[in-house]
N, C-alpha and C. Protein backbone atom coordinates (compact mmCIF):
# COMPACT_ATOMS: atom_id res chain seq x y z
N MET A 1 100.69 210.53 91.44
CA MET A 1 99.19 210.23 91.88
C MET A 1 98.73 208.83 91.41
N ALA A 2 98.10 208.24 92.25
CA ALA A 2 97.41 207.10 91.58
C ALA A 2 96.01 207.60 91.07
N LYS A 3 96.03 206.83 90.17
CA LYS A 3 94.41 207.02 89.41
C LYS A 3 93.30 206.86 90.22
N GLU A 4 92.53 207.48 90.08
CA GLU A 4 91.52 207.68 90.85
C GLU A 4 90.50 206.30 91.09
N SER A 5 90.24 205.57 89.95
CA SER A 5 89.94 204.26 89.66
C SER A 5 90.32 203.29 90.88
N MET A 6 92.11 203.46 90.63
CA MET A 6 92.39 202.46 91.98
C MET A 6 92.14 202.87 93.06
N LYS A 7 92.37 203.94 93.34
CA LYS A 7 92.05 204.15 95.12
C LYS A 7 90.39 203.97 95.11
N ALA A 8 89.63 204.10 94.48
CA ALA A 8 88.05 203.85 94.59
C ALA A 8 88.14 202.18 94.56
N ARG A 9 88.89 201.48 93.72
CA ARG A 9 88.60 199.98 94.07
C ARG A 9 89.06 199.47 95.14
N GLU A 10 89.97 200.21 95.86
CA GLU A 10 90.69 199.87 97.56
C GLU A 10 89.65 199.86 98.25
N VAL A 11 89.00 201.15 98.32
CA VAL A 11 87.85 201.58 98.98
C VAL A 11 86.59 200.41 99.11
N LYS A 12 86.40 199.84 98.00
CA LYS A 12 85.28 199.34 97.61
C LYS A 12 85.65 197.87 97.99
N ARG A 13 86.75 197.39 97.91
CA ARG A 13 87.45 196.19 98.66
C ARG A 13 87.42 196.28 100.23
N ALA A 14 87.99 197.27 100.63
CA ALA A 14 87.71 197.53 102.24
C ALA A 14 86.30 197.55 102.99
N LYS A 15 85.50 198.05 101.96
CA LYS A 15 83.98 197.96 102.43
C LYS A 15 83.80 196.36 102.31
N LEU A 16 84.06 195.82 101.20
CA LEU A 16 83.33 194.18 101.08
C LEU A 16 83.96 193.54 102.33
N VAL A 17 85.42 193.72 102.59
CA VAL A 17 85.94 192.83 103.62
C VAL A 17 85.60 193.08 104.61
N GLU A 18 84.83 194.37 105.38
CA GLU A 18 84.07 194.64 106.45
C GLU A 18 82.86 193.76 106.74
N LYS A 19 82.08 193.98 105.44
CA LYS A 19 80.66 193.40 104.94
C LYS A 19 80.94 191.89 105.39
N TYR A 20 81.60 191.07 104.89
CA TYR A 20 81.59 190.31 105.13
C TYR A 20 82.64 189.18 106.16
N ALA A 21 83.18 190.12 107.06
CA ALA A 21 83.96 189.80 107.88
C ALA A 21 83.44 188.49 109.04
N GLU A 22 82.62 188.91 109.58
CA GLU A 22 81.56 187.92 110.30
C GLU A 22 81.43 186.60 110.03
N LYS A 23 80.39 186.85 108.56
CA LYS A 23 80.30 185.60 107.83
C LYS A 23 81.32 184.74 107.58
N ARG A 24 82.45 185.25 106.85
CA ARG A 24 83.72 184.69 106.50
C ARG A 24 84.16 183.74 107.83
N LYS A 25 84.32 184.56 109.25
CA LYS A 25 84.67 184.19 110.32
C LYS A 25 84.20 182.80 110.72
N ALA A 26 82.87 182.75 110.70
CA ALA A 26 81.81 181.85 110.75
C ALA A 26 82.23 180.35 109.72
N LEU A 27 82.10 180.86 108.60
CA LEU A 27 82.49 179.91 107.66
C LEU A 27 83.76 179.11 107.82
N LYS A 28 84.75 179.75 108.19
CA LYS A 28 85.96 179.34 108.49
C LYS A 28 85.99 178.40 109.85
N ALA A 29 85.08 179.00 110.55
CA ALA A 29 85.21 178.00 112.02
C ALA A 29 84.49 176.93 111.57
N ALA A 30 83.76 176.90 110.98
CA ALA A 30 82.62 175.57 110.76
C ALA A 30 83.09 174.51 109.50
N GLY A 31 84.35 175.21 108.90
CA GLY A 31 85.20 174.45 107.83
C GLY A 31 84.49 174.50 106.74
N ASP A 32 83.32 175.15 106.22
CA ASP A 32 82.51 175.17 105.38
C ASP A 32 83.37 175.89 104.05
N TYR A 33 84.37 175.32 103.49
CA TYR A 33 85.06 175.91 102.40
C TYR A 33 84.21 176.05 101.08
N ALA A 34 83.21 175.45 100.88
CA ALA A 34 82.48 175.70 99.76
C ALA A 34 81.62 176.69 99.78
N GLY A 35 81.36 177.01 101.26
CA GLY A 35 80.35 178.41 101.50
C GLY A 35 81.22 179.69 101.32
N LEU A 36 82.63 179.34 101.37
CA LEU A 36 83.57 180.26 101.36
C LEU A 36 83.94 180.76 100.00
N ALA A 37 84.04 180.00 99.07
CA ALA A 37 83.99 179.82 97.72
C ALA A 37 83.01 180.83 96.94
N LYS A 38 81.67 180.55 97.77
CA LYS A 38 80.75 181.30 97.21
C LYS A 38 80.92 182.83 97.40
N LEU A 39 81.58 183.20 98.44
CA LEU A 39 81.56 184.70 98.68
C LEU A 39 82.48 185.53 97.81
N PRO A 40 82.17 187.05 97.68
CA PRO A 40 83.07 187.32 96.81
C PRO A 40 84.49 187.24 96.97
N LYS A 41 85.18 187.58 95.71
CA LYS A 41 87.04 187.37 96.07
C LYS A 41 87.26 188.42 96.80
N ASN A 42 86.90 189.48 96.37
CA ASN A 42 87.32 190.68 97.22
C ASN A 42 86.85 190.74 98.68
N SER A 43 86.17 190.12 98.84
CA SER A 43 85.98 190.09 100.41
C SER A 43 86.91 189.65 101.13
N SER A 44 87.90 189.33 100.73
CA SER A 44 88.74 188.30 101.47
C SER A 44 90.04 189.72 101.80
N ARG A 45 90.22 189.31 103.16
CA ARG A 45 91.38 190.65 103.97
C ARG A 45 92.51 190.63 103.02
N VAL A 46 93.02 189.54 102.52
CA VAL A 46 94.46 189.05 101.90
C VAL A 46 94.29 190.14 100.70
N ARG A 47 93.03 190.33 99.84
CA ARG A 47 93.33 191.08 98.71
C ARG A 47 93.62 192.59 98.88
N LEU A 48 93.39 193.26 100.32
CA LEU A 48 93.66 194.62 100.60
C LEU A 48 94.91 194.77 100.36
N HIS A 49 95.11 195.96 99.68
CA HIS A 49 96.84 196.61 99.40
C HIS A 49 96.96 198.09 100.27
N ASN A 50 97.66 198.07 101.37
CA ASN A 50 98.00 199.61 101.77
C ASN A 50 98.43 200.62 100.67
N ARG A 51 97.81 201.79 100.97
CA ARG A 51 97.78 202.86 99.99
C ARG A 51 98.00 204.40 100.86
N CYS A 52 99.02 204.99 100.04
CA CYS A 52 99.11 206.35 100.81
C CYS A 52 97.76 206.83 100.83
N SER A 53 97.44 207.49 102.06
CA SER A 53 96.28 208.02 101.97
C SER A 53 96.06 209.68 101.31
N ILE A 54 97.14 210.03 101.01
CA ILE A 54 97.14 211.26 100.02
C ILE A 54 97.28 211.08 98.66
N THR A 55 98.07 210.43 98.46
CA THR A 55 98.63 210.34 96.75
C THR A 55 97.99 209.08 96.20
N GLY A 56 97.72 208.07 97.03
CA GLY A 56 97.35 206.70 96.57
C GLY A 56 98.56 206.12 96.41
N ARG A 57 99.63 206.37 96.54
CA ARG A 57 100.66 205.40 95.91
C ARG A 57 100.66 204.01 96.59
N PRO A 58 101.07 202.99 95.98
CA PRO A 58 100.69 201.63 96.65
C PRO A 58 102.14 201.02 97.39
N LYS A 59 103.48 201.88 96.84
CA LYS A 59 104.78 201.34 97.47
C LYS A 59 105.02 202.45 98.24
N GLY A 60 106.27 201.96 98.95
CA GLY A 60 106.91 202.69 100.01
C GLY A 60 105.77 203.33 101.35
N TYR A 61 105.10 202.40 101.40
CA TYR A 61 103.58 203.03 102.52
C TYR A 61 104.50 202.68 103.97
N MET A 62 104.41 203.77 104.67
CA MET A 62 104.72 203.77 106.50
C MET A 62 103.29 203.34 107.06
N ARG A 63 103.10 202.43 107.58
CA ARG A 63 102.16 201.94 108.20
C ARG A 63 101.82 202.92 109.35
N LEU A 64 102.61 203.13 110.30
CA LEU A 64 102.40 204.21 111.08
C LEU A 64 102.03 205.16 111.13
N PHE A 65 102.25 205.83 109.88
CA PHE A 65 101.35 207.04 109.47
C PHE A 65 100.68 207.32 108.58
N GLY A 66 100.25 205.98 107.70
CA GLY A 66 99.41 205.82 106.44
C GLY A 66 99.80 206.57 105.39
N ILE A 67 100.74 207.10 105.23
CA ILE A 67 101.33 207.77 104.19
C ILE A 67 102.53 207.15 103.26
N SER A 68 102.90 207.56 102.20
CA SER A 68 103.88 206.92 101.36
C SER A 68 105.29 207.86 102.16
N ARG A 69 106.62 207.09 101.74
CA ARG A 69 107.51 207.81 102.29
C ARG A 69 107.97 209.03 101.69
N ILE A 70 107.51 209.47 100.42
CA ILE A 70 107.49 210.67 100.02
C ILE A 70 106.57 211.63 100.11
N GLN A 71 105.91 211.69 100.69
CA GLN A 71 104.60 212.27 101.57
C GLN A 71 105.03 212.58 102.88
N PHE A 72 105.93 211.35 103.22
CA PHE A 72 106.54 211.42 105.10
C PHE A 72 107.61 212.35 104.79
N ARG A 73 108.59 212.56 104.13
CA ARG A 73 109.31 213.50 104.06
C ARG A 73 108.89 214.93 103.81
N GLU A 74 108.26 215.01 102.93
CA GLU A 74 107.82 216.42 102.48
C GLU A 74 107.12 216.97 103.63
N MET A 75 106.18 216.43 104.52
CA MET A 75 105.39 216.74 105.48
C MET A 75 106.47 216.92 106.87
N ALA A 76 107.25 215.95 107.00
CA ALA A 76 108.20 216.02 108.03
C ALA A 76 109.16 217.39 107.81
N SER A 77 109.53 217.72 106.60
CA SER A 77 110.48 218.69 106.42
C SER A 77 109.66 220.04 106.68
N GLN A 78 108.15 219.97 106.33
CA GLN A 78 107.25 221.27 106.29
C GLN A 78 107.06 221.53 107.96
N GLY A 79 107.35 220.54 108.55
CA GLY A 79 106.98 220.65 110.22
C GLY A 79 105.39 220.08 110.47
N LEU A 80 104.69 219.49 109.57
CA LEU A 80 103.32 219.22 109.52
C LEU A 80 103.04 217.61 110.57
N ILE A 81 104.20 216.89 110.73
CA ILE A 81 103.82 215.95 111.38
C ILE A 81 104.57 216.17 112.85
N PRO A 82 103.83 215.85 113.61
CA PRO A 82 104.09 216.39 115.07
C PRO A 82 105.34 215.23 115.88
N GLY A 83 106.09 215.70 116.38
CA GLY A 83 107.35 214.91 117.06
C GLY A 83 108.57 214.36 116.15
N ILE A 84 108.13 214.70 114.62
CA ILE A 84 109.16 214.27 113.75
C ILE A 84 110.11 215.36 113.68
N THR A 85 111.50 215.43 113.39
CA THR A 85 112.35 216.50 113.25
C THR A 85 113.33 215.60 112.12
N LYS A 86 114.12 216.62 111.45
CA LYS A 86 115.14 216.03 110.28
C LYS A 86 116.32 215.75 111.46
N ALA A 87 117.08 214.48 111.05
CA ALA A 87 118.12 214.62 112.07
C ALA A 87 119.24 215.29 111.17
N SER A 88 120.33 215.74 111.83
CA SER A 88 121.48 216.38 111.47
C SER A 88 122.46 216.20 112.50
N TRP A 89 123.77 216.04 112.08
CA TRP A 89 124.79 215.92 112.95
C TRP A 89 126.05 216.03 112.54
């Protein structure tokens, strides 16, 4: 499990990105790079990092499901993910 502060930091970044998205887009279109530099660093979409929605794990993230590979395997084995079955042959 990730520290709660790391999870909270990612949520805070996501909110900042959403808040400044339109302003950032307008400044980029106008070519005003000085104005872009005055915006908060964390308002840039590049600074977001995908994390598991259950554990907060930053690595092994499966974009389609929004969880880490470890949680995916556990949930698939328990039958909690519809349409996913363990392959056996």
